[in-house]
Amino acid sequence: MHPHPFFGLVAAILAVIPAWKIVSKAGYNGAWSLLIFVPLVNIIMMYVFAFNQWPIEKKL
């Protein structure tokens, strides 16, 4: 029995909402959070966001 595609869509939305909020609070465009759906790029971007100075920090 295969899961209904609706559940995949719900899971994707539930993943993007907090990622969008976090990326926006860091001072980046929230659309960057869509990279969580691209394999390998999502891991690279996690390190970029973790170790680069965030735009919001530059304003302080």
N, C-alpha and C. Protein backbone atom coordinates (compact mmCIF):
# COMPACT_ATOMS: atom_id res chain seq x y z
N MET A 1 0.84 -1.18 0.00
CA MET A 1 0.00 0.00 0.00
C MET A 1 0.88 1.25 0.00
N HIS A 2 0.62 2.14 -0.92
CA HIS A 2 1.42 3.36 -1.04
C HIS A 2 0.74 4.51 -0.31
N PRO A 3 1.57 5.36 0.31
CA PRO A 3 0.97 6.53 0.98
C PRO A 3 0.38 7.49 -0.04
N HIS A 4 -0.59 8.20 0.36
CA HIS A 4 -1.26 9.18 -0.51
C HIS A 4 -0.32 10.35 -0.76
N PRO A 5 -0.23 10.87 -2.00
CA PRO A 5 0.66 12.00 -2.31
C PRO A 5 0.37 13.24 -1.46
N PHE A 6 -0.82 13.35 -0.96
CA PHE A 6 -1.18 14.49 -0.12
C PHE A 6 -0.27 14.58 1.10
N PHE A 7 0.11 13.42 1.65
CA PHE A 7 0.96 13.42 2.85
C PHE A 7 2.36 13.94 2.53
N GLY A 8 2.85 13.68 1.33
CA GLY A 8 4.14 14.22 0.91
C GLY A 8 4.10 15.73 0.79
N LEU A 9 3.00 16.25 0.26
CA LEU A 9 2.84 17.69 0.15
C LEU A 9 2.77 18.34 1.53
N VAL A 10 2.04 17.73 2.43
CA VAL A 10 1.93 18.25 3.80
C VAL A 10 3.31 18.24 4.47
N ALA A 11 4.05 17.16 4.30
CA ALA A 11 5.40 17.07 4.89
C ALA A 11 6.32 18.15 4.32
N ALA A 12 6.22 18.41 3.02
CA ALA A 12 7.04 19.45 2.40
C ALA A 12 6.70 20.83 2.94
N ILE A 13 5.43 21.10 3.09
CA ILE A 13 5.00 22.39 3.64
C ILE A 13 5.47 22.54 5.08
N LEU A 14 5.34 21.47 5.85
CA LEU A 14 5.77 21.51 7.25
C LEU A 14 7.28 21.69 7.38
N ALA A 15 8.04 21.29 6.38
CA ALA A 15 9.49 21.48 6.41
C ALA A 15 9.88 22.89 5.98
N VAL A 16 9.17 23.45 5.02
CA VAL A 16 9.54 24.75 4.47
C VAL A 16 9.19 25.90 5.43
N ILE A 17 8.07 25.81 6.10
CA ILE A 17 7.63 26.93 6.94
C ILE A 17 8.67 27.32 7.99
N PRO A 18 9.15 26.39 8.83
CA PRO A 18 10.16 26.82 9.81
C PRO A 18 11.49 27.20 9.16
N ALA A 19 11.86 26.52 8.08
CA ALA A 19 13.11 26.87 7.41
C ALA A 19 13.04 28.30 6.85
N TRP A 20 11.90 28.65 6.26
CA TRP A 20 11.71 30.00 5.71
C TRP A 20 11.82 31.04 6.83
N LYS A 21 11.20 30.75 7.96
CA LYS A 21 11.22 31.68 9.09
C LYS A 21 12.65 31.87 9.63
N ILE A 22 13.39 30.79 9.76
CA ILE A 22 14.76 30.86 10.28
C ILE A 22 15.65 31.64 9.32
N VAL A 23 15.57 31.33 8.04
CA VAL A 23 16.40 32.01 7.04
C VAL A 23 16.06 33.49 6.99
N SER A 24 14.79 33.83 7.11
CA SER A 24 14.37 35.24 7.11
C SER A 24 14.88 35.97 8.34
N LYS A 25 14.83 35.33 9.50
CA LYS A 25 15.33 35.96 10.72
C LYS A 25 16.83 36.19 10.66
N ALA A 26 17.53 35.37 9.89
CA ALA A 26 18.98 35.53 9.73
C ALA A 26 19.30 36.70 8.81
N GLY A 27 18.30 37.21 8.09
CA GLY A 27 18.51 38.35 7.22
C GLY A 27 18.61 37.99 5.75
N TYR A 28 18.41 36.72 5.43
CA TYR A 28 18.43 36.28 4.03
C TYR A 28 17.01 36.27 3.48
N ASN A 29 16.91 36.18 2.16
CA ASN A 29 15.62 36.02 1.51
C ASN A 29 15.09 34.63 1.87
N GLY A 30 13.84 34.55 2.29
CA GLY A 30 13.25 33.29 2.70
C GLY A 30 13.24 32.23 1.63
N ALA A 31 13.31 32.63 0.36
CA ALA A 31 13.30 31.67 -0.74
C ALA A 31 14.50 30.72 -0.69
N TRP A 32 15.57 31.11 -0.01
CA TRP A 32 16.73 30.23 0.15
C TRP A 32 16.33 28.93 0.85
N SER A 33 15.27 28.97 1.64
CA SER A 33 14.85 27.77 2.36
C SER A 33 14.36 26.67 1.42
N LEU A 34 14.02 27.01 0.20
CA LEU A 34 13.57 26.00 -0.76
C LEU A 34 14.70 25.05 -1.15
N LEU A 35 15.94 25.41 -0.84
CA LEU A 35 17.07 24.54 -1.15
C LEU A 35 17.08 23.27 -0.29
N ILE A 36 16.23 23.19 0.72
CA ILE A 36 16.19 21.97 1.52
C ILE A 36 15.69 20.79 0.71
N PHE A 37 15.10 21.04 -0.45
CA PHE A 37 14.59 19.96 -1.30
C PHE A 37 15.62 19.47 -2.31
N VAL A 38 16.78 20.12 -2.39
CA VAL A 38 17.81 19.73 -3.37
C VAL A 38 18.88 18.91 -2.64
N PRO A 39 18.96 17.62 -2.98
CA PRO A 39 19.95 16.76 -2.31
C PRO A 39 21.37 17.31 -2.45
N LEU A 40 22.15 17.15 -1.45
CA LEU A 40 23.53 17.61 -1.30
C LEU A 40 23.63 19.12 -1.17
N VAL A 41 22.88 19.86 -1.97
CA VAL A 41 22.88 21.32 -1.84
C VAL A 41 22.34 21.71 -0.46
N ASN A 42 21.35 20.97 0.04
CA ASN A 42 20.79 21.29 1.35
C ASN A 42 21.84 21.16 2.45
N ILE A 43 22.70 20.18 2.35
CA ILE A 43 23.76 20.01 3.36
C ILE A 43 24.80 21.12 3.23
N ILE A 44 25.19 21.45 2.01
CA ILE A 44 26.16 22.52 1.79
C ILE A 44 25.62 23.85 2.30
N MET A 45 24.36 24.14 2.00
CA MET A 45 23.78 25.41 2.44
C MET A 45 23.65 25.48 3.96
N MET A 46 23.42 24.35 4.61
CA MET A 46 23.35 24.34 6.07
C MET A 46 24.70 24.81 6.65
N TYR A 47 25.79 24.35 6.06
CA TYR A 47 27.11 24.79 6.52
C TYR A 47 27.38 26.25 6.17
N VAL A 48 26.94 26.67 5.00
CA VAL A 48 27.11 28.08 4.61
C VAL A 48 26.37 28.99 5.59
N PHE A 49 25.12 28.65 5.89
CA PHE A 49 24.35 29.46 6.83
C PHE A 49 24.94 29.40 8.24
N ALA A 50 25.48 28.26 8.62
CA ALA A 50 26.00 28.10 9.97
C ALA A 50 27.30 28.89 10.20
N PHE A 51 28.17 28.95 9.20
CA PHE A 51 29.49 29.51 9.43
C PHE A 51 29.74 30.88 8.81
N ASN A 52 28.85 31.36 7.97
CA ASN A 52 28.98 32.72 7.44
C ASN A 52 28.35 33.72 8.39
N GLN A 53 28.81 34.96 8.31
CA GLN A 53 28.18 36.01 9.09
C GLN A 53 26.85 36.34 8.44
N TRP A 54 25.81 36.38 9.22
CA TRP A 54 24.46 36.63 8.71
C TRP A 54 24.28 38.13 8.46
N PRO A 55 23.51 38.50 7.45
CA PRO A 55 23.27 39.93 7.19
C PRO A 55 22.70 40.67 8.40
N ILE A 56 21.90 40.00 9.20
CA ILE A 56 21.32 40.65 10.38
C ILE A 56 22.42 41.01 11.39
N GLU A 57 23.50 40.22 11.44
CA GLU A 57 24.61 40.51 12.35
C GLU A 57 25.42 41.71 11.88
N LYS A 58 25.46 41.93 10.57
CA LYS A 58 26.21 43.05 10.02
C LYS A 58 25.55 44.38 10.38
N LYS A 59 24.21 44.37 10.58
CA LYS A 59 23.48 45.59 10.91
C LYS A 59 23.69 46.02 12.36
N LEU A 60 24.09 45.07 13.20
CA LEU A 60 24.24 45.39 14.64
C LEU A 60 25.51 46.10 14.95
